[in-house]
N, C-alpha and C. Protein backbone atom coordinates (compact mmCIF):
# COMPACT_ATOMS: atom_id res chain seq x y z
N MET A 1 0.80 -0.83 -0.07
CA MET A 1 -0.12 -0.01 0.28
C MET A 1 1.15 1.24 -0.28
N HIS A 2 0.29 2.18 -0.87
CA HIS A 2 1.16 3.64 -0.85
C HIS A 2 0.36 4.42 0.36
N ALA A 3 1.39 5.47 0.70
CA ALA A 3 0.76 6.26 1.89
C ALA A 3 -0.33 7.58 1.29
N SER A 4 -1.29 7.62 2.23
CA SER A 4 -2.20 8.66 1.68
C SER A 4 -1.92 9.87 1.88
N GLU A 5 -1.98 10.67 1.21
CA GLU A 5 -2.15 12.32 1.47
C GLU A 5 -3.32 12.56 2.29
N PHE A 6 -3.15 12.67 3.91
CA PHE A 6 -4.36 12.51 4.07
C PHE A 6 -4.75 13.74 5.34
N ASP A 7 -5.79 14.37 5.29
CA ASP A 7 -5.74 15.88 6.01
C ASP A 7 -7.18 15.39 6.51
N GLU A 8 -7.46 15.45 8.11
CA GLU A 8 -8.77 15.01 8.32
C GLU A 8 -9.74 15.87 7.92
N GLY A 9 -9.60 17.39 8.10
CA GLY A 9 -10.24 17.85 7.60
C GLY A 9 -11.33 18.06 6.42
N GLU A 10 -10.35 17.66 5.44
CA GLU A 10 -10.48 17.36 4.26
C GLU A 10 -11.29 15.87 4.08
N PHE A 11 -10.75 14.75 4.48
CA PHE A 11 -11.57 13.61 4.63
C PHE A 11 -12.83 13.78 5.03
N PHE A 12 -13.04 14.63 6.24
CA PHE A 12 -14.38 14.69 6.65
C PHE A 12 -15.27 15.75 5.55
N GLN A 13 -14.95 16.66 4.94
CA GLN A 13 -15.63 17.35 4.21
C GLN A 13 -16.00 16.31 3.01
N ALA A 14 -15.12 15.62 2.59
CA ALA A 14 -15.59 14.77 1.38
C ALA A 14 -16.45 13.81 1.83
N LEU A 15 -16.54 13.38 3.26
CA LEU A 15 -17.51 11.90 3.36
C LEU A 15 -18.89 13.02 3.48
N TRP A 16 -18.92 14.05 4.06
CA TRP A 16 -20.01 14.96 4.44
C TRP A 16 -20.73 15.63 2.83
N SER A 17 -20.11 15.86 1.78
CA SER A 17 -20.45 16.43 0.96
C SER A 17 -21.10 15.90 -0.03
N GLY A 18 -21.24 14.81 -0.28
CA GLY A 18 -22.24 14.01 -1.09
C GLY A 18 -23.57 13.79 -0.58
N GLY A 19 -23.81 13.86 0.28
CA GLY A 19 -25.09 13.46 0.69
C GLY A 19 -25.28 11.85 0.96
N THR A 20 -23.79 11.03 1.33
CA THR A 20 -23.67 10.15 1.98
C THR A 20 -24.58 9.97 3.62
N ARG A 21 -25.47 8.84 3.51
CA ARG A 21 -25.69 9.34 4.93
C ARG A 21 -25.28 8.23 5.91
N LEU A 22 -24.23 9.20 6.75
CA LEU A 22 -23.12 8.43 7.48
C LEU A 22 -22.68 8.89 8.97
N LEU A 23 -22.23 8.42 9.72
CA LEU A 23 -22.35 9.14 11.26
C LEU A 23 -20.76 8.47 11.65
N LEU A 24 -20.13 9.46 12.23
CA LEU A 24 -18.99 9.37 12.97
C LEU A 24 -19.56 8.76 14.36
N ILE A 25 -18.94 7.53 14.62
CA ILE A 25 -19.24 7.10 15.92
C ILE A 25 -18.13 6.65 16.70
N GLY A 26 -17.83 6.10 17.80
CA GLY A 26 -16.57 5.81 18.63
C GLY A 26 -15.89 6.97 19.43
N ARG A 27 -14.70 6.55 19.49
CA ARG A 27 -14.05 7.52 20.49
C ARG A 27 -13.74 9.17 19.24
N ARG A 28 -13.73 9.18 18.25
CA ARG A 28 -13.52 10.02 17.45
C ARG A 28 -15.20 11.02 17.46
N ALA A 29 -16.19 10.59 17.56
CA ALA A 29 -17.04 11.41 17.74
C ALA A 29 -17.49 11.69 19.32
N LEU A 30 -16.44 11.43 20.21
CA LEU A 30 -16.28 11.79 21.82
C LEU A 30 -15.42 13.20 21.46
N VAL A 31 -14.32 12.74 20.53
CA VAL A 31 -13.35 14.01 20.57
C VAL A 31 -13.91 15.18 19.82
N ALA A 32 -14.76 14.80 18.87
CA ALA A 32 -15.74 15.83 18.28
C ALA A 32 -16.42 16.69 18.88
N LEU A 33 -17.07 16.13 20.30
CA LEU A 33 -17.99 16.42 21.49
C LEU A 33 -16.83 17.30 22.33
N GLY A 34 -15.63 17.48 21.93
CA GLY A 34 -14.63 17.69 23.01
C GLY A 34 -14.19 16.91 24.27
N LEU A 35 -14.68 16.11 24.02
CA LEU A 35 -14.00 15.02 25.43
C LEU A 35 -12.68 14.66 25.15
N PRO A 36 -12.08 14.36 26.41
CA PRO A 36 -10.47 14.21 26.31
C PRO A 36 -10.42 12.39 26.29
N VAL A 37 -10.48 12.24 25.20
CA VAL A 37 -10.37 10.83 24.76
C VAL A 37 -9.12 10.75 23.94
N LEU A 38 -8.49 9.72 23.66
CA LEU A 38 -7.25 9.49 22.58
C LEU A 38 -7.81 8.37 21.77
N THR A 39 -7.62 8.30 20.67
CA THR A 39 -7.83 7.33 19.72
C THR A 39 -7.20 7.62 18.29
N ALA A 40 -6.86 6.12 17.81
CA ALA A 40 -5.81 6.53 16.41
C ALA A 40 -6.58 6.05 15.14
N ASP A 41 -7.59 5.95 15.48
CA ASP A 41 -8.68 5.41 14.34
C ASP A 41 -10.06 5.86 14.17
N TYR A 42 -10.65 5.64 12.99
CA TYR A 42 -11.96 6.33 12.73
C TYR A 42 -12.89 5.05 12.78
N ASP A 43 -14.06 5.42 13.17
CA ASP A 43 -15.20 4.66 13.20
C ASP A 43 -16.12 5.33 12.38
N LEU A 44 -17.06 4.51 11.75
CA LEU A 44 -18.42 5.26 10.77
C LEU A 44 -19.37 4.31 10.98
N TRP A 45 -20.60 4.95 10.93
CA TRP A 45 -21.72 3.81 10.78
C TRP A 45 -22.42 4.47 9.25
N VAL A 46 -22.55 3.55 8.26
CA VAL A 46 -23.18 3.93 7.15
C VAL A 46 -24.13 3.20 6.98
N HIS A 47 -25.32 4.07 5.73
CA HIS A 47 -26.41 3.40 5.61
C HIS A 47 -25.73 2.56 4.62
N ALA A 48 -26.46 1.15 4.51
CA ALA A 48 -26.25 -0.14 3.67
C ALA A 48 -26.42 0.77 2.14
N ASP A 49 -27.37 1.28 2.18
CA ASP A 49 -27.63 1.82 0.51
C ASP A 49 -26.34 2.73 0.00
N ASP A 50 -25.34 3.17 0.95
CA ASP A 50 -24.55 4.40 0.51
C ASP A 50 -23.18 4.09 0.79
N ILE A 51 -22.83 2.56 0.86
CA ILE A 51 -21.43 2.06 1.05
C ILE A 51 -20.54 2.71 -0.20
N ALA A 52 -21.26 2.29 -1.69
CA ALA A 52 -20.23 2.96 -2.54
C ALA A 52 -19.92 3.99 -2.78
N MET A 53 -20.75 5.10 -2.41
CA MET A 53 -20.33 6.43 -2.13
C MET A 53 -19.50 6.87 -1.03
N LEU A 54 -19.41 6.13 -0.12
CA LEU A 54 -18.67 6.59 1.17
C LEU A 54 -17.22 5.79 0.43
N ASN A 55 -17.44 4.76 0.01
CA ASN A 55 -15.86 4.43 -0.75
C ASN A 55 -15.08 5.28 -1.65
N GLN A 56 -16.19 5.71 -2.49
CA GLN A 56 -15.64 6.48 -3.41
C GLN A 56 -15.17 7.64 -3.00
N SER A 57 -15.72 8.22 -1.82
CA SER A 57 -14.96 9.49 -1.44
C SER A 57 -13.71 9.16 -0.54
N ALA A 58 -13.30 7.88 0.15
CA ALA A 58 -12.40 7.53 0.78
C ALA A 58 -11.09 7.19 -0.32
N ALA A 59 -11.78 6.99 -1.32
CA ALA A 59 -10.56 6.47 -2.44
C ALA A 59 -9.77 7.69 -2.79
N ALA A 60 -10.31 8.97 -2.64
CA ALA A 60 -9.40 10.09 -2.94
C ALA A 60 -8.50 10.33 -1.91
N PHE A 61 -8.53 9.50 -0.81
CA PHE A 61 -7.54 9.80 0.29
C PHE A 61 -6.64 8.53 0.35
N GLY A 62 -6.84 7.69 -0.80
CA GLY A 62 -5.68 6.33 -1.07
C GLY A 62 -6.13 5.80 -0.13
N LEU A 63 -7.40 5.60 0.37
CA LEU A 63 -8.14 4.22 1.18
C LEU A 63 -9.08 3.01 0.26
N ALA A 64 -8.69 1.97 1.02
CA ALA A 64 -9.23 1.00 0.01
C ALA A 64 -10.01 0.13 0.93
N ALA A 65 -11.22 -0.17 0.16
CA ALA A 65 -12.07 -1.36 1.26
C ALA A 65 -11.70 -2.77 1.14
N ASN A 66 -11.71 -3.03 2.28
CA ASN A 66 -11.33 -4.70 2.14
C ASN A 66 -12.59 -5.50 1.86
N ARG A 67 -13.67 -5.08 1.68
CA ARG A 67 -14.62 -5.95 1.06
C ARG A 67 -15.40 -4.91 -0.16
N THR A 68 -16.38 -5.87 -0.82
CA THR A 68 -17.22 -5.18 -1.66
C THR A 68 -18.32 -4.90 -0.70
N PRO A 69 -19.21 -3.96 -1.65
CA PRO A 69 -20.29 -3.64 -1.14
C PRO A 69 -21.22 -4.79 -0.54
N GLU A 70 -21.29 -5.59 -1.56
CA GLU A 70 -22.36 -6.56 -1.09
C GLU A 70 -21.72 -7.63 -0.25
N ASP A 71 -20.16 -7.77 -0.09
CA ASP A 71 -19.94 -8.80 1.22
C ASP A 71 -20.12 -7.71 2.55
N ALA A 72 -19.62 -6.62 2.57
CA ALA A 72 -19.81 -5.41 3.67
C ALA A 72 -21.58 -6.07 4.14
N ARG A 73 -22.15 -5.84 3.10
CA ARG A 73 -23.77 -5.98 3.56
C ARG A 73 -23.90 -7.04 4.39
N GLY A 74 -23.56 -8.18 3.86
CA GLY A 74 -23.73 -9.60 4.56
C GLY A 74 -22.70 -9.49 5.62
N VAL A 75 -21.61 -9.37 5.88
CA VAL A 75 -20.90 -9.45 7.07
C VAL A 75 -21.65 -8.03 8.03
N GLY A 76 -22.07 -7.13 7.86
CA GLY A 76 -22.28 -6.11 8.69
C GLY A 76 -20.92 -5.09 8.79
N ARG A 77 -19.80 -5.25 8.39
CA ARG A 77 -18.88 -4.03 8.78
C ARG A 77 -17.52 -4.52 7.39
N TYR A 78 -16.82 -3.44 7.50
CA TYR A 78 -15.75 -3.59 6.82
C TYR A 78 -14.61 -2.26 7.32
N VAL A 79 -13.35 -2.64 6.23
CA VAL A 79 -12.66 -1.51 6.89
C VAL A 79 -12.08 -0.89 5.46
N LEU A 80 -12.05 0.51 5.72
CA LEU A 80 -11.07 1.06 4.84
C LEU A 80 -9.64 1.26 5.01
N GLU A 81 -8.61 1.34 4.60
CA GLU A 81 -7.40 1.57 4.94
C GLU A 81 -6.21 1.60 4.07
N ASN A 82 -5.47 2.37 4.53
CA ASN A 82 -4.05 2.38 3.88
C ASN A 82 -3.24 2.79 5.26
N ASP A 83 -2.58 4.04 5.11
CA ASP A 83 -1.87 4.38 6.26
C ASP A 83 -2.83 4.79 7.77
N GLU A 84 -4.00 4.88 7.18
CA GLU A 84 -5.30 5.57 8.41
C GLU A 84 -5.82 3.93 8.04
N HIS A 85 -6.99 4.11 9.51
CA HIS A 85 -7.80 2.95 9.71
C HIS A 85 -9.04 3.44 9.73
N VAL A 86 -10.02 3.06 9.00
CA VAL A 86 -11.19 3.19 9.51
C VAL A 86 -11.97 2.03 9.18
N ASP A 87 -13.09 1.84 10.49
CA ASP A 87 -13.88 0.91 10.66
C ASP A 87 -15.05 1.23 10.51
N VAL A 88 -15.77 0.64 9.67
CA VAL A 88 -17.10 1.03 9.12
C VAL A 88 -18.30 0.04 9.22
N LEU A 89 -19.16 0.36 9.94
CA LEU A 89 -20.45 -0.31 10.37
C LEU A 89 -21.61 -0.44 9.58
N VAL A 90 -22.07 -1.30 9.04
CA VAL A 90 -23.12 -1.04 7.79
C VAL A 90 -24.25 -1.49 8.54
N ALA A 91 -24.35 -2.75 9.53
CA ALA A 91 -25.53 -3.10 10.07
C ALA A 91 -26.69 -1.84 10.38
N ARG A 92 -27.93 -2.79 9.83
CA ARG A 92 -28.87 -1.94 9.89
C ARG A 92 -29.54 -1.61 11.02
N SER A 93 -29.24 -2.53 11.96
CA SER A 93 -29.70 -2.30 13.47
C SER A 93 -28.37 -3.53 14.50
N VAL A 94 -27.82 -2.74 15.75
CA VAL A 94 -26.92 -3.64 16.27
C VAL A 94 -27.54 -3.64 18.11
N PRO A 95 -27.94 -4.72 18.38
CA PRO A 95 -28.14 -5.00 19.81
C PRO A 95 -26.93 -4.32 21.10
N THR A 96 -27.40 -4.05 21.72
CA THR A 96 -26.20 -3.38 23.00
C THR A 96 -26.27 -5.06 23.76
N GLN A 97 -25.39 -4.78 24.97
CA GLN A 97 -25.19 -6.08 25.54
C GLN A 97 -26.29 -6.32 26.32
N ASP A 98 -27.55 -5.29 26.68
CA ASP A 98 -28.74 -5.78 27.35
C ASP A 98 -29.61 -6.20 26.45
N GLY A 99 -29.69 -6.15 24.82
CA GLY A 99 -30.60 -6.76 24.13
C GLY A 99 -31.00 -5.40 23.45
N VAL A 100 -31.02 -4.15 23.59
CA VAL A 100 -31.73 -2.92 23.17
C VAL A 100 -31.25 -3.17 21.81
N ARG A 101 -32.10 -2.76 20.58
CA ARG A 101 -31.81 -2.73 19.35
C ARG A 101 -31.20 -1.19 19.12
N VAL A 102 -30.42 -0.96 18.61
CA VAL A 102 -30.00 0.56 18.07
C VAL A 102 -29.88 0.61 16.73
N GLU A 103 -31.17 1.17 16.18
CA GLU A 103 -31.54 1.13 14.46
C GLU A 103 -30.92 2.52 14.08
N PHE A 104 -30.01 2.05 12.76
CA PHE A 104 -29.27 2.96 12.30
C PHE A 104 -30.55 4.38 11.67
N GLU A 105 -31.68 4.09 11.35
CA GLU A 105 -32.63 5.07 10.71
C GLU A 105 -32.94 5.65 12.05
N ALA A 106 -33.20 5.14 13.27
CA ALA A 106 -33.56 5.81 14.18
C ALA A 106 -32.32 7.13 14.87
N VAL A 107 -31.08 6.24 14.59
CA VAL A 107 -30.50 6.87 15.16
C VAL A 107 -29.82 8.42 14.29
N TRP A 108 -30.37 8.02 12.79
CA TRP A 108 -29.72 9.08 11.94
C TRP A 108 -31.00 10.34 11.94
N ALA A 109 -31.91 9.70 12.59
CA ALA A 109 -33.07 10.97 12.60
C ALA A 109 -32.86 11.50 13.75
N ARG A 110 -32.15 11.04 14.77
CA ARG A 110 -31.56 12.26 15.79
C ARG A 110 -30.36 12.74 15.71
N ARG A 111 -29.78 12.58 14.77
CA ARG A 111 -28.28 12.85 14.55
C ARG A 111 -27.92 14.29 14.71
N MET A 112 -26.77 14.64 15.49
CA MET A 112 -26.59 16.18 15.72
C MET A 112 -25.33 16.53 14.65
N THR A 113 -25.40 17.71 14.33
CA THR A 113 -24.18 18.29 13.52
C THR A 113 -23.15 19.09 14.36
N LEU A 114 -21.97 19.12 13.96
CA LEU A 114 -21.37 19.39 14.78
C LEU A 114 -20.15 20.10 13.94
N ARG A 115 -20.02 21.54 14.05
CA ARG A 115 -18.77 22.06 13.57
C ARG A 115 -17.38 21.65 13.70
N TYR A 116 -16.52 21.21 12.44
CA TYR A 116 -15.46 20.51 13.25
C TYR A 116 -14.48 21.84 12.86
N ASP A 117 -14.64 22.90 11.43
CA ASP A 117 -13.85 23.92 11.56
C ASP A 117 -14.85 24.56 10.56
N GLU A 118 -14.32 25.93 10.19
CA GLU A 118 -15.07 26.98 9.32
C GLU A 118 -15.54 26.47 8.12
N ARG A 119 -15.16 25.44 7.45
CA ARG A 119 -15.66 24.80 6.01
C ARG A 119 -16.56 23.64 6.53
N VAL A 120 -16.42 22.92 7.50
CA VAL A 120 -16.51 21.43 7.66
C VAL A 120 -17.49 21.43 8.49
N ASP A 121 -18.72 20.49 8.32
CA ASP A 121 -19.78 19.97 9.37
C ASP A 121 -19.56 18.35 9.47
N ILE A 122 -19.63 17.74 10.27
CA ILE A 122 -19.61 16.23 10.63
C ILE A 122 -20.95 16.04 11.38
N LEU A 123 -21.29 14.79 10.96
CA LEU A 123 -22.54 14.14 11.80
C LEU A 123 -22.02 12.99 12.89
N VAL A 124 -22.89 13.10 13.92
CA VAL A 124 -22.55 12.33 14.83
C VAL A 124 -23.95 11.74 15.84
N PRO A 125 -24.25 10.49 16.36
CA PRO A 125 -25.40 10.62 16.99
C PRO A 125 -25.44 11.37 18.06
N CYS A 126 -26.70 11.54 18.63
CA CYS A 126 -26.90 12.44 19.82
C CYS A 126 -26.39 12.04 21.09
N ILE A 127 -25.99 12.28 21.97
CA ILE A 127 -25.71 11.96 23.29
C ILE A 127 -25.91 10.61 23.76
N ASP A 128 -27.00 10.72 23.47
CA ASP A 128 -28.19 9.31 24.35
C ASP A 128 -27.90 8.11 23.52
N ASP A 129 -27.73 8.38 21.91
CA ASP A 129 -27.25 7.27 21.22
C ASP A 129 -25.92 6.86 21.06
N LEU A 130 -25.10 7.73 21.33
CA LEU A 130 -23.74 7.34 21.61
C LEU A 130 -23.51 6.86 22.64
N ILE A 131 -24.18 6.96 23.64
CA ILE A 131 -23.97 5.90 24.96
C ILE A 131 -24.43 4.63 24.45
N LEU A 132 -25.86 4.69 23.80
CA LEU A 132 -25.99 3.11 23.41
C LEU A 132 -24.91 2.49 22.61
N THR A 133 -24.60 3.15 21.70
CA THR A 133 -23.21 2.41 20.86
C THR A 133 -22.18 1.85 21.60
N LYS A 134 -21.91 2.62 22.63
CA LYS A 134 -20.73 2.42 23.39
C LYS A 134 -21.07 0.93 24.51
N GLN A 135 -22.63 0.88 24.72
CA GLN A 135 -23.17 -0.49 25.11
C GLN A 135 -22.93 -1.76 24.36
N TRP A 136 -22.39 -1.69 22.91
CA TRP A 136 -22.59 -2.83 21.95
C TRP A 136 -21.65 -3.68 22.54
N ALA A 137 -20.61 -3.15 22.92
CA ALA A 137 -19.00 -4.06 23.35
C ALA A 137 -19.00 -4.03 25.10
N LEU A 138 -19.24 -2.84 25.80
CA LEU A 138 -19.14 -2.76 27.11
C LEU A 138 -17.74 -2.90 27.68
N ARG A 139 -16.62 -2.78 26.80
CA ARG A 139 -15.13 -2.70 27.14
C ARG A 139 -15.13 -1.68 28.45
N ASP A 140 -13.87 -1.99 29.11
CA ASP A 140 -13.53 -0.89 30.21
C ASP A 140 -13.44 0.62 29.49
N LYS A 141 -12.98 0.60 28.37
CA LYS A 141 -12.97 1.97 27.56
C LYS A 141 -14.15 2.73 27.27
N ASP A 142 -15.31 1.67 26.82
CA ASP A 142 -16.53 1.99 26.91
C ASP A 142 -17.25 2.58 27.90
N LEU A 143 -17.20 1.75 29.04
CA LEU A 143 -17.38 2.40 30.25
C LEU A 143 -17.25 3.66 30.64
N ALA A 144 -15.68 4.04 30.44
CA ALA A 144 -15.16 5.13 30.72
C ALA A 144 -16.00 6.18 29.73
N ASP A 145 -16.22 5.92 28.58
CA ASP A 145 -16.59 6.77 27.81
C ASP A 145 -17.87 6.92 27.89
N ILE A 146 -18.73 6.23 28.50
CA ILE A 146 -20.02 6.65 28.87
C ILE A 146 -20.28 7.37 29.83
N LYS A 147 -19.87 7.43 31.07
CA LYS A 147 -19.46 7.70 32.16
C LYS A 147 -19.01 9.70 31.38
N LEU A 148 -18.11 9.65 30.61
CA LEU A 148 -17.64 11.09 30.11
C LEU A 148 -19.09 11.59 29.28
N LEU A 149 -19.65 10.71 28.57
CA LEU A 149 -20.88 11.15 28.16
C LEU A 149 -21.97 11.63 29.01
N GLN A 150 -22.54 11.25 29.96
CA GLN A 150 -23.09 10.88 30.86
C GLN A 150 -22.92 12.62 31.76
N ALA A 151 -21.69 12.75 31.87
CA ALA A 151 -21.24 14.14 32.47
C ALA A 151 -21.40 15.38 31.53
N LEU A 152 -21.39 14.90 30.44
CA LEU A 152 -21.65 16.20 29.44
C LEU A 152 -22.87 16.11 29.07
N LYS A 153 -23.57 15.32 29.09
CA LYS A 153 -24.99 15.35 28.96
C LYS A 153 -25.74 16.26 30.13
N ALA A 154 -25.05 15.81 31.06
CA ALA A 154 -25.67 16.49 32.73
C ALA A 154 -25.18 18.12 32.28
N ALA A 155 -24.13 18.33 32.10
CA ALA A 155 -23.50 19.75 31.79
C ALA A 155 -24.40 20.56 30.98
N ARG A 156 -25.17 19.98 29.94
CA ARG A 156 -25.49 20.69 28.90
C ARG A 156 -27.09 20.81 29.42
N SER A 157 -27.48 20.10 30.51
CA SER A 157 -29.34 20.04 30.60
C SER A 157 -29.15 21.53 31.22
């Protein structure tokens, strides 16, 4: 693989400028909310019908999909990679560890728009939905992230 020419702001602008139904999830979403967490990769949740649009936007940054859109739909996820790593969730819904179904369409309807910089807006789930996404795996870092999100929600109330 060749190193990509990667600028995060340009990457985000490319992702959301074409109408792709796409949400930034994971710790990058927490960073976008101003929370003090570290992460080295990106996690996205894309509508199953918009995989090809996402892949086209990512290709401009040297990122290649490890699965075809059809295979990704069947598995429910795939990776865009080069010198950056982007985990892409494709599932229409994902259950939390408690069995609550988190559905893309519902999360999309409640999404928040955040200003990345003067030229770029990004889309993330609302805080309650971000908390639910952290309940998919409930790793130690997810539990810590949930506490940060709950504190942010309380501070905004």
